[in-house]
Protein backbone atom coordinates (compact mmCIF):
# COMPACT_ATOMS: atom_id res chain seq x y z
CA MET A 1 21.03 19.85 24.60
CA THR A 2 20.56 17.28 27.86
CA GLU A 3 20.24 13.34 27.08
CA ALA A 4 16.41 13.38 28.14
CA LYS A 5 15.98 16.34 25.69
CA THR A 6 18.04 14.58 23.34
CA ASP A 7 15.99 11.46 23.62
CA ASP A 8 12.72 13.59 23.29
CA LEU A 9 13.97 15.01 19.78
CA GLU A 10 14.95 11.59 18.57
CA ALA A 11 11.54 10.00 19.35
CA GLU A 12 9.94 13.01 17.82
CA VAL A 13 11.95 12.91 14.60
CA ARG A 14 11.50 9.46 14.55
CA LEU A 15 7.40 9.08 15.06
CA THR A 16 7.23 12.16 12.31
CA CYS A 17 9.33 9.57 9.44
CA ARG A 18 7.17 6.62 10.87
CA SER A 19 3.73 8.60 10.36
CA ALA A 20 4.92 9.35 6.51
CA ALA A 21 6.43 5.63 5.82
CA ALA A 22 3.07 4.12 7.00
CA ALA A 23 1.64 6.43 4.49
CA ALA A 24 3.56 5.70 1.64
CA PRO A 25 1.92 2.80 0.16
CA VAL A 26 -1.28 4.57 0.03
CA LEU A 27 0.13 6.94 -2.61
CA ALA A 28 1.52 3.95 -4.13
CA ARG A 29 -1.12 2.55 -5.20
CA THR A 30 -2.90 5.02 -6.30
CA GLU A 31 -3.87 5.76 -10.21
CA GLY A 32 -2.07 9.30 -11.75
CA ARG A 33 -5.49 11.38 -12.03
CA LEU A 34 -5.89 11.38 -8.12
CA ARG A 35 -2.31 12.42 -8.07
CA ARG A 36 -2.60 14.70 -10.19
CA ALA A 37 -6.20 15.71 -8.61
CA VAL A 38 -4.45 17.20 -5.55
CA LEU A 39 -1.86 19.13 -7.13
CA MET A 40 -4.52 20.97 -9.04
CA GLU A 41 -5.74 21.07 -5.66
CA LEU A 42 -2.96 22.40 -4.36
CA ALA A 43 -2.12 24.87 -6.92
CA ALA A 44 -5.67 26.27 -6.73
CA ARG A 45 -5.15 26.65 -3.03
CA LEU A 46 -2.17 28.79 -3.31
CA GLU A 47 -3.92 31.23 -5.54
CA GLU A 48 -6.86 31.62 -3.26
CA ALA A 49 -6.68 34.94 -1.43
CA ASP A 50 -7.04 34.33 2.15
CA VAL A 51 -4.18 31.37 1.91
CA GLY A 52 -1.83 34.16 0.10
CA CYS A 53 -2.23 36.42 2.61
CA ARG A 54 -1.60 33.61 5.41
CA LEU A 55 1.33 32.57 3.31
CA LEU A 56 3.00 36.42 3.02
CA ASP A 57 2.31 37.22 6.61
CA ALA A 58 3.98 33.67 8.49
CA ASN A 59 7.19 35.25 5.43
CA ALA A 60 7.14 38.27 5.90
CA SER A 61 8.27 37.56 10.02
CA ASP A 62 11.00 34.66 8.44
CA VAL A 63 12.12 38.10 6.62
CA ALA A 64 12.57 39.93 9.48
CA GLN A 65 14.06 38.07 11.63
CA GLY A 66 16.92 37.02 8.61
CA VAL A 67 17.05 41.37 8.29
CA ALA A 68 17.70 41.04 12.20
CA THR A 69 20.61 38.81 11.99
CA GLY A 70 22.54 39.83 9.01
CA MET A 71 21.29 37.09 6.83
CA ALA A 72 23.12 37.63 3.26
CA PRO A 73 21.73 39.67 0.60
CA ALA A 74 21.65 36.24 -1.75
CA LEU A 75 19.89 34.25 1.40
CA LEU A 76 17.41 36.73 2.00
CA ASP A 77 16.59 36.33 -1.85
CA ARG A 78 15.78 33.39 -1.81
CA LEU A 79 13.96 33.29 1.21
CA ARG A 80 11.29 36.27 0.45
CA LEU A 81 8.06 35.28 -1.04
CA ASP A 82 5.91 37.81 -2.66
CA PRO A 83 2.45 37.51 -4.86
CA ASP A 84 4.39 36.71 -7.95
CA ARG A 85 6.48 33.87 -6.28
CA VAL A 86 3.20 32.28 -5.02
CA ARG A 87 1.50 32.50 -8.06
CA ALA A 88 5.15 30.89 -10.08
CA LEU A 89 4.72 28.40 -7.60
CA ALA A 90 0.54 27.54 -8.34
CA ALA A 91 1.92 27.67 -11.81
CA ALA A 92 5.24 25.14 -11.12
CA VAL A 93 2.74 22.64 -9.67
CA ARG A 94 0.04 22.98 -12.74
CA ALA A 95 3.04 22.42 -14.95
CA VAL A 96 4.11 19.11 -12.42
CA ALA A 97 0.46 17.95 -12.58
CA ASP A 98 0.15 18.17 -16.55
CA LEU A 99 3.05 16.02 -17.20
CA PRO A 100 3.19 12.36 -17.92
CA ASP A 101 2.71 10.35 -15.02
CA PRO A 102 6.13 7.88 -14.81
CA LEU A 103 4.36 5.19 -12.34
CA GLY A 104 4.16 2.21 -14.31
CA GLU A 105 6.43 3.38 -17.76
CA VAL A 106 7.93 0.55 -18.75
CA VAL A 107 11.37 1.65 -19.31
CA ARG A 108 12.78 -1.82 -21.38
CA GLY A 109 11.15 -5.42 -21.98
CA TRP A 110 12.57 -8.41 -23.33
CA THR A 111 11.34 -12.22 -23.37
CA ARG A 112 13.90 -15.03 -22.62
CA PRO A 113 14.63 -18.50 -25.05
CA ASP A 114 12.38 -19.94 -22.25
CA GLY A 115 9.66 -17.28 -22.97
CA LEU A 116 9.81 -16.06 -19.43
CA GLN A 117 8.64 -12.20 -20.14
CA LEU A 118 10.43 -9.47 -17.81
CA SER A 119 10.11 -5.88 -18.14
CA GLN A 120 11.69 -3.11 -15.87
CA VAL A 121 8.98 -0.32 -14.92
CA ARG A 122 9.37 2.58 -12.83
CA VAL A 123 8.11 2.79 -9.38
CA PRO A 124 8.69 5.23 -6.42
CA LEU A 125 11.33 5.84 -4.63
CA GLY A 126 9.05 5.39 -1.27
CA VAL A 127 9.74 8.00 1.79
CA VAL A 128 12.14 11.13 0.12
CA GLY A 129 14.31 13.31 3.09
CA PHE A 130 14.57 16.88 2.30
CA ILE A 131 16.92 19.13 4.20
CA TYR A 132 16.88 22.24 2.35
CA GLU A 133 18.22 26.01 3.77
CA ALA A 134 16.02 29.33 3.58
CA ARG A 135 14.48 28.07 0.36
CA PRO A 136 10.33 28.16 0.85
CA ASN A 137 9.81 27.11 -2.61
CA VAL A 138 11.26 24.14 -2.04
CA THR A 139 8.28 22.84 0.11
CA ILE A 140 6.15 23.34 -2.70
CA ASP A 141 8.64 22.06 -5.26
CA ALA A 142 9.52 19.25 -3.44
CA ALA A 143 6.09 18.52 -2.28
CA ALA A 144 4.52 18.29 -6.42
CA LEU A 145 6.82 16.53 -7.49
CA CYS A 146 7.14 13.87 -4.67
CA LEU A 147 3.44 13.16 -4.66
CA ARG A 148 3.16 12.27 -8.15
CA SER A 149 5.94 10.63 -8.42
CA GLY A 150 4.43 8.40 -5.60
CA ASN A 151 6.82 9.39 -2.85
CA ALA A 152 5.89 10.55 0.62
CA LEU A 153 7.74 13.03 1.81
CA VAL A 154 9.58 14.04 5.09
CA LEU A 155 10.58 18.17 5.07
CA ARG A 156 13.56 19.48 7.07
CA GLY A 157 14.24 23.03 6.57
CA SER A 158 16.21 25.85 8.04
CA GLY A 159 15.00 27.47 11.37
CA SER A 160 15.40 30.63 9.45
CA ALA A 161 12.81 29.84 6.90
CA LEU A 162 10.37 28.20 9.84
CA ALA A 163 7.19 30.43 9.27
CA SER A 164 7.16 30.04 5.80
CA ASN A 165 7.55 26.52 5.64
CA ARG A 166 5.05 25.71 8.22
CA ALA A 167 2.45 27.38 6.46
CA LEU A 168 3.29 26.34 2.94
CA ALA A 169 3.44 22.19 4.35
CA SER A 170 -0.14 23.16 5.69
CA VAL A 171 -1.79 24.20 2.82
CA VAL A 172 -0.25 21.27 1.43
CA ARG A 173 -1.84 19.05 4.02
CA GLU A 174 -5.15 20.81 3.31
CA ALA A 175 -5.06 19.79 -0.73
CA LEU A 176 -3.86 16.36 0.51
CA ALA A 177 -6.75 16.38 2.67
CA ALA A 178 -9.71 17.57 0.69
CA VAL A 179 -8.95 14.53 -2.26
CA GLY A 180 -9.20 12.21 0.18
CA LEU A 181 -5.26 11.38 0.45
CA PRO A 182 -3.36 10.82 3.67
CA GLU A 183 -1.85 14.24 5.36
CA ASP A 184 0.71 12.55 6.46
CA LEU A 185 2.13 11.54 2.65
CA VAL A 186 4.17 15.58 3.71
CA VAL A 187 5.51 15.84 7.26
CA LEU A 188 7.36 18.85 8.29
CA ILE A 189 9.49 18.54 10.97
CA ASP A 190 9.51 21.96 12.41
CA ARG A 191 11.90 21.58 15.70
CA PRO A 192 14.86 24.24 14.87
CA GLU A 193 17.38 22.65 16.35
CA ARG A 194 20.54 21.17 14.49
CA GLU A 195 20.08 18.05 15.54
CA ALA A 196 17.02 17.34 13.92
CA ALA A 197 18.62 17.05 11.15
CA SER A 198 20.94 14.80 12.24
CA ILE A 199 18.82 12.65 13.42
CA LEU A 200 16.50 12.44 10.31
CA MET A 201 19.77 11.35 8.70
CA ARG A 202 20.00 8.23 10.66
CA GLN A 203 16.36 7.61 10.02
CA THR A 204 17.23 4.03 7.49
CA GLY A 205 15.02 1.82 7.29
CA LEU A 206 12.15 4.81 7.40
CA ILE A 207 13.77 7.42 4.76
CA ASP A 208 14.48 5.73 1.57
CA VAL A 209 16.41 8.51 -0.07
CA LEU A 210 17.69 12.26 1.32
CA ILE A 211 18.19 14.89 -1.01
CA PRO A 212 19.82 18.19 0.61
CA ARG A 213 19.47 21.80 -1.31
CA GLY A 214 21.62 24.29 -0.13
CA GLY A 215 25.20 25.73 0.40
CA ALA A 216 28.80 23.41 0.42
CA ALA A 217 28.95 23.74 3.94
CA LEU A 218 24.80 21.84 4.63
CA ILE A 219 25.53 19.33 1.44
CA ARG A 220 28.76 18.39 3.04
CA ARG A 221 27.76 18.03 6.32
CA VAL A 222 24.74 14.98 4.85
CA ILE A 223 27.11 13.72 2.52
CA GLU A 224 29.42 12.92 6.00
CA GLU A 225 26.28 12.06 8.53
CA ALA A 226 23.95 10.19 6.69
CA ARG A 227 23.51 6.95 7.36
CA VAL A 228 20.51 6.94 4.75
CA PRO A 229 21.19 6.65 0.76
CA VAL A 230 22.10 10.55 -0.16
CA LEU A 231 20.89 12.21 -3.51
CA GLU A 232 23.94 14.73 -4.00
CA THR A 233 22.97 18.26 -5.33
CA GLY A 234 26.02 19.91 -5.98
CA VAL A 235 27.27 24.08 -5.64
CA GLY A 236 27.84 25.53 -8.81
CA VAL A 237 30.71 27.22 -9.59
CA CYS A 238 30.09 27.40 -12.85
CA HIS A 239 31.84 29.15 -15.53
CA VAL A 240 31.60 30.67 -19.30
CA LEU A 241 34.37 30.81 -22.18
CA VAL A 242 34.69 33.50 -24.49
CA ASP A 243 36.50 31.71 -27.65
CA GLY A 244 39.28 33.86 -29.77
CA SER A 245 35.90 33.35 -32.38
CA ALA A 246 33.39 34.46 -30.43
CA ASP A 247 30.77 36.53 -31.42
CA PRO A 248 30.81 39.96 -29.50
CA ALA A 249 27.27 40.23 -29.48
CA MET A 250 26.60 37.16 -28.53
CA ALA A 251 29.07 36.84 -25.75
CA GLU A 252 28.09 39.78 -23.61
CA ALA A 253 24.52 38.96 -23.88
CA ILE A 254 25.48 35.06 -22.54
CA VAL A 255 27.77 36.09 -20.14
CA LEU A 256 25.87 39.24 -18.96
CA ASN A 257 22.88 37.15 -18.32
CA ALA A 258 24.82 33.78 -16.53
CA LYS A 259 25.57 36.53 -14.51
CA THR A 260 23.47 38.98 -13.63
CA GLN A 261 19.89 37.63 -14.30
CA ARG A 262 19.99 36.07 -11.03
CA PRO A 263 23.39 35.79 -9.19
CA GLY A 264 22.21 34.16 -5.42
CA VAL A 265 21.27 30.78 -7.71
CA CYS A 266 23.56 28.08 -8.18
CA ASN A 267 23.55 28.22 -12.09
CA ALA A 268 24.81 31.35 -12.20
CA ALA A 269 28.39 31.78 -13.50
CA GLU A 270 31.43 32.82 -11.20
CA THR A 271 33.90 32.58 -13.46
CA LEU A 272 35.22 33.94 -16.80
CA LEU A 273 37.93 32.45 -19.10
CA LEU A 274 38.37 34.76 -21.89
CA ALA A 275 40.88 33.99 -24.53
CA HIS A 276 43.79 35.88 -25.28
CA ASP A 277 42.75 36.99 -28.52
CA TYR A 278 39.26 37.38 -27.73
CA PRO A 279 39.04 41.30 -29.97
CA ALA A 280 36.21 42.12 -27.34
CA SER A 281 38.05 42.07 -23.86
CA GLU A 282 37.63 45.26 -22.46
CA ALA A 283 34.20 46.17 -23.97
CA LEU A 284 32.89 42.91 -21.53
CA LEU A 285 35.05 43.69 -19.09
CA ALA A 286 33.44 47.33 -18.93
CA ARG A 287 29.53 46.17 -19.37
CA LEU A 288 30.15 43.54 -16.62
CA ALA A 289 31.13 46.95 -14.07
CA ALA A 290 28.21 48.81 -15.93
CA ALA A 291 26.14 46.23 -14.75
CA GLY A 292 27.24 46.10 -10.96
CA VAL A 293 29.63 43.18 -11.36
CA THR A 294 32.43 43.19 -8.75
CA LEU A 295 35.43 41.50 -10.95
CA LEU A 296 38.44 40.33 -9.39
CA GLY A 297 40.87 38.99 -12.11
CA CYS A 298 44.01 37.43 -12.69
CA PRO A 299 47.12 39.71 -13.69
CA ARG A 300 46.55 39.76 -17.18
CA ALA A 301 43.14 40.56 -16.72
CA ARG A 302 43.70 43.65 -14.56
CA ALA A 303 45.96 44.86 -17.01
CA LEU A 304 43.42 44.84 -19.53
CA ALA A 305 40.90 45.93 -17.47
CA GLU A 306 43.50 48.86 -16.74
CA ARG A 307 44.09 49.62 -20.26
CA ALA A 308 39.92 50.05 -20.56
CA GLY A 309 39.63 51.92 -17.00
CA VAL A 310 37.70 49.25 -15.92
CA PRO A 311 38.20 48.47 -11.93
CA VAL A 312 39.33 44.60 -11.17
CA ALA A 313 40.41 43.56 -7.84
CA PRO A 314 43.07 41.42 -7.53
CA ALA A 315 41.60 37.69 -7.62
CA ASP A 316 43.31 34.43 -5.56
CA GLU A 317 43.20 31.07 -5.51
CA GLU A 318 40.29 31.14 -3.21
CA THR A 319 38.50 33.20 -6.11
CA TRP A 320 38.12 30.29 -8.64
CA ASP A 321 36.94 28.03 -6.06
CA THR A 322 34.14 30.26 -4.48
CA GLU A 323 30.20 29.93 -5.16
CA HIS A 324 29.99 34.01 -4.67
CA LEU A 325 25.96 33.97 -5.23
CA ALA A 326 26.09 37.57 -5.72
CA LEU A 327 26.99 39.91 -8.45
CA VAL A 328 31.51 38.96 -7.72
CA MET A 329 32.49 37.34 -10.95
CA GLY A 330 36.38 35.84 -10.99
CA VAL A 331 38.24 36.60 -14.57
CA ARG A 332 40.89 34.97 -16.15
CA ILE A 333 42.99 35.46 -19.47
CA ILE A 334 43.57 31.87 -21.00
CA ASP A 335 46.18 30.95 -23.78
CA ASP A 336 44.58 28.03 -25.38
CA LEU A 337 41.27 25.47 -24.99
CA ASP A 338 43.81 23.20 -23.44
CA GLU A 339 44.20 25.90 -20.30
CA ALA A 340 40.70 26.65 -20.11
CA LEU A 341 39.88 22.92 -20.06
CA ALA A 342 42.10 22.02 -17.46
CA HIS A 343 40.82 25.22 -15.73
CA VAL A 344 37.37 23.65 -15.02
CA ALA A 345 38.51 20.33 -14.60
CA ARG A 346 40.23 21.50 -11.65
CA HIS A 347 38.09 24.73 -10.13
CA GLY A 348 34.17 23.42 -11.32
CA THR A 349 31.75 21.42 -9.70
CA ARG A 350 30.43 19.75 -12.12
CA HIS A 351 27.53 21.39 -12.76
CA SER A 352 26.54 23.47 -15.65
CA GLU A 353 29.93 24.70 -18.04
CA ALA A 354 29.68 26.97 -21.02
CA ILE A 355 31.89 28.22 -24.48
CA VAL A 356 30.75 31.11 -26.17
CA THR A 357 32.61 29.57 -29.74
CA GLN A 358 32.26 30.10 -33.65
CA ASP A 359 34.83 27.19 -33.98
CA GLN A 360 32.86 23.82 -34.55
CA GLY A 361 35.83 22.24 -33.52
CA HIS A 362 36.29 24.00 -30.07
CA ALA A 363 32.96 23.57 -29.73
CA GLU A 364 32.89 19.93 -30.14
CA ARG A 365 35.76 19.73 -28.06
CA PHE A 366 34.48 21.44 -25.02
CA LEU A 367 31.44 19.50 -24.52
CA ARG A 368 33.20 16.16 -24.84
CA GLU A 369 35.75 16.81 -22.50
CA VAL A 370 34.06 18.91 -19.87
CA ASP A 371 32.42 16.70 -17.04
CA ALA A 372 29.51 18.47 -15.92
CA ALA A 373 25.61 17.65 -15.45
CA ALA A 374 25.05 20.55 -18.25
CA VAL A 375 27.57 21.46 -21.08
CA TYR A 376 26.67 24.22 -23.43
CA VAL A 377 27.68 26.00 -26.39
CA ASN A 378 26.44 29.39 -27.32
CA ALA A 379 23.99 29.60 -24.37
CA SER A 380 23.87 30.73 -20.81
CA THR A 381 24.27 28.49 -17.79
CA ARG A 382 21.22 29.89 -16.24
CA PHE A 383 18.85 27.07 -18.68
CA THR A 384 20.29 24.14 -16.41
CA ASP A 385 17.02 24.43 -14.48
CA GLY A 386 14.18 21.69 -14.11
CA GLY A 387 11.52 24.30 -15.42
CA GLU A 388 13.59 25.21 -18.24
CA PHE A 389 14.60 21.85 -19.68
CA GLY A 390 10.64 20.57 -19.19
CA PHE A 391 10.70 19.16 -16.02
CA GLY A 392 7.45 21.34 -14.19
CA ALA A 393 9.77 22.00 -11.54
CA GLU A 394 13.01 20.14 -9.74
CA VAL A 395 14.20 18.96 -6.78
CA GLY A 396 17.61 20.21 -7.25
CA ILE A 397 20.63 19.99 -9.58
CA SER A 398 22.18 16.24 -9.17
CA THR A 399 26.38 16.37 -9.50
CA GLN A 400 26.53 12.88 -9.32
CA LYS A 401 26.65 10.69 -11.14
CA LEU A 402 25.09 7.86 -10.32
CA HIS A 403 21.02 7.26 -10.52
CA ALA A 404 20.21 11.38 -11.40
CA ARG A 405 22.14 13.91 -12.84
CA GLY A 406 21.20 17.57 -13.79
CA PRO A 407 17.86 18.73 -12.55
CA MET A 408 16.03 16.00 -10.55
CA GLY A 409 12.12 15.71 -12.05
CA LEU A 410 9.67 13.50 -11.50
CA ARG A 411 11.85 10.37 -13.35
CA GLU A 412 14.99 10.88 -11.30
CA LEU A 413 12.41 10.82 -7.92
CA THR A 414 11.76 6.69 -9.19
CA THR A 415 13.17 3.48 -9.18
CA VAL A 416 12.57 0.65 -11.53
CA LYS A 417 11.68 -2.91 -10.44
CA THR A 418 11.65 -6.32 -12.31
CA ILE A 419 8.36 -7.78 -13.43
CA GLY A 420 8.58 -11.07 -14.99
CA ARG A 421 5.73 -13.13 -16.13
CA GLY A 422 6.20 -16.93 -16.74
CA SER A 423 4.17 -19.84 -17.92
CA GLY A 424 5.77 -22.40 -15.44
CA GLN A 425 9.66 -21.57 -15.93
CA VAL A 426 11.93 -22.63 -13.78
CA ARG A 427 15.41 -21.97 -13.72
CA THR A 428 18.31 -25.09 -14.22
C-alpha cells in the first residue's frame, strides 16, 4: 500500500472512531428504558421478512466467496446465517433487552468517619472497539450488549464476512435512528485492508477498550500491536477428565456433548484425559469414533483402542496444544489426578475444564487447583457461554484475570465511578 493510500485509510478509520466517540456521551446519559427500546426495535427488525432476505442475500455472497477460497468447514459454519440463526439473533437481542440495567448500580457504598458518603456505581466503558473474524453474529451480539450497557461501538470484522457485517450494521443503525438515537453509536470499519485493523488498535483517546474475538493468531496480533487497552478473549484448548470412579453413562454423555454438539466453538473439548482405571474406556472411544470423531492418542490410548478395534492415530506434542475446532480429539491415558492436573496446567488455555467423577475429594481438588475461567464437575464444557450463564449474550470468553473473566456480558462492559457526597469535608 502506498504512503498516500495508507494516510487516506488512517484518516478514514480515525474519522469513523471519532464519530462513535462523539456520539457516546448521548447514550451514556440516556435512561435504561430508551436503551432497552432500541434493542426491542432491533429485534423486531431482524424478524421482518424483507430484512431477513437482505441479510441472507448478503451472507450468501460471503459464504460463496468462502467456499471458493477454500475456507475451513468450522469457519464456514461460523460465517453462515440461515433463517433459524437470524431468529436466534433476534431472541438473543430481546434477552439482553430484558436484563436489568447495569448502569447506576451501586457496587458498594460506605461513610467515612467525617460523614463523607462514598459509593461506587457502574458506568459505561465508553467506546468499545471489536476486531473479529468471520462471525457475523458478533455484529449483533456486540451491538446489543454495548448499547444496553451504554457504550458506543466500533466494529471491524473480517473481509470474509464484509457483506454480512455491512447488512447487519445497517439494521442496527436503522434501529437507533428509529428511536431517536445517533446512528453513529454503532459504526463499522468496512475497509478490507489488514492495515485497517492495525490502525484501529492505535486509536488511543478515541477507543477506550478493544476486544478481539477469533482464533489464536488474531488474538495474539491484537495483544502485540494494540496501544488501546485490550480485554483478551482466549482460545479454548479444553479438557474433559474422566476419573476412574466416573459413571460410564454420564461420562459418555458429557464427553460426546463436549466434543460433538458443536465442535467449531471455543468451549468444545479438544482433549480427553482417561484415568487408567476407568472401566469403560474402550466403549467410550468406540462411541466417539462412531460419532465421527478422529482420535489422536498417546501410545497407551492407541493400545487400548486397538484391542477394541477403534482407529486412533498417533498424537504428538502439538496435539495437546491445538484448538482443532473440528471433530478431532486428543486422548491421553493418565495414572492419577496429579498427572491430569499437570497436563491441564501445561496445555490448557485457562478457558473451560471438566472432570467426570463420583469421588468428592477428586472433584473438590479439581475445582480448587485448575486455573481456568470455568471449571466443571460432572457437566459439559459447552456451558461456558453468555446465554447459558443467563447473560443474554456475550462479547467473548475472557481468559485473563484483570477486569473480567469468563463470558463477558453487560456488567463486564462497565466500569465503576466513585461518587462522594459531602457537607463541606476537607482532608487534613
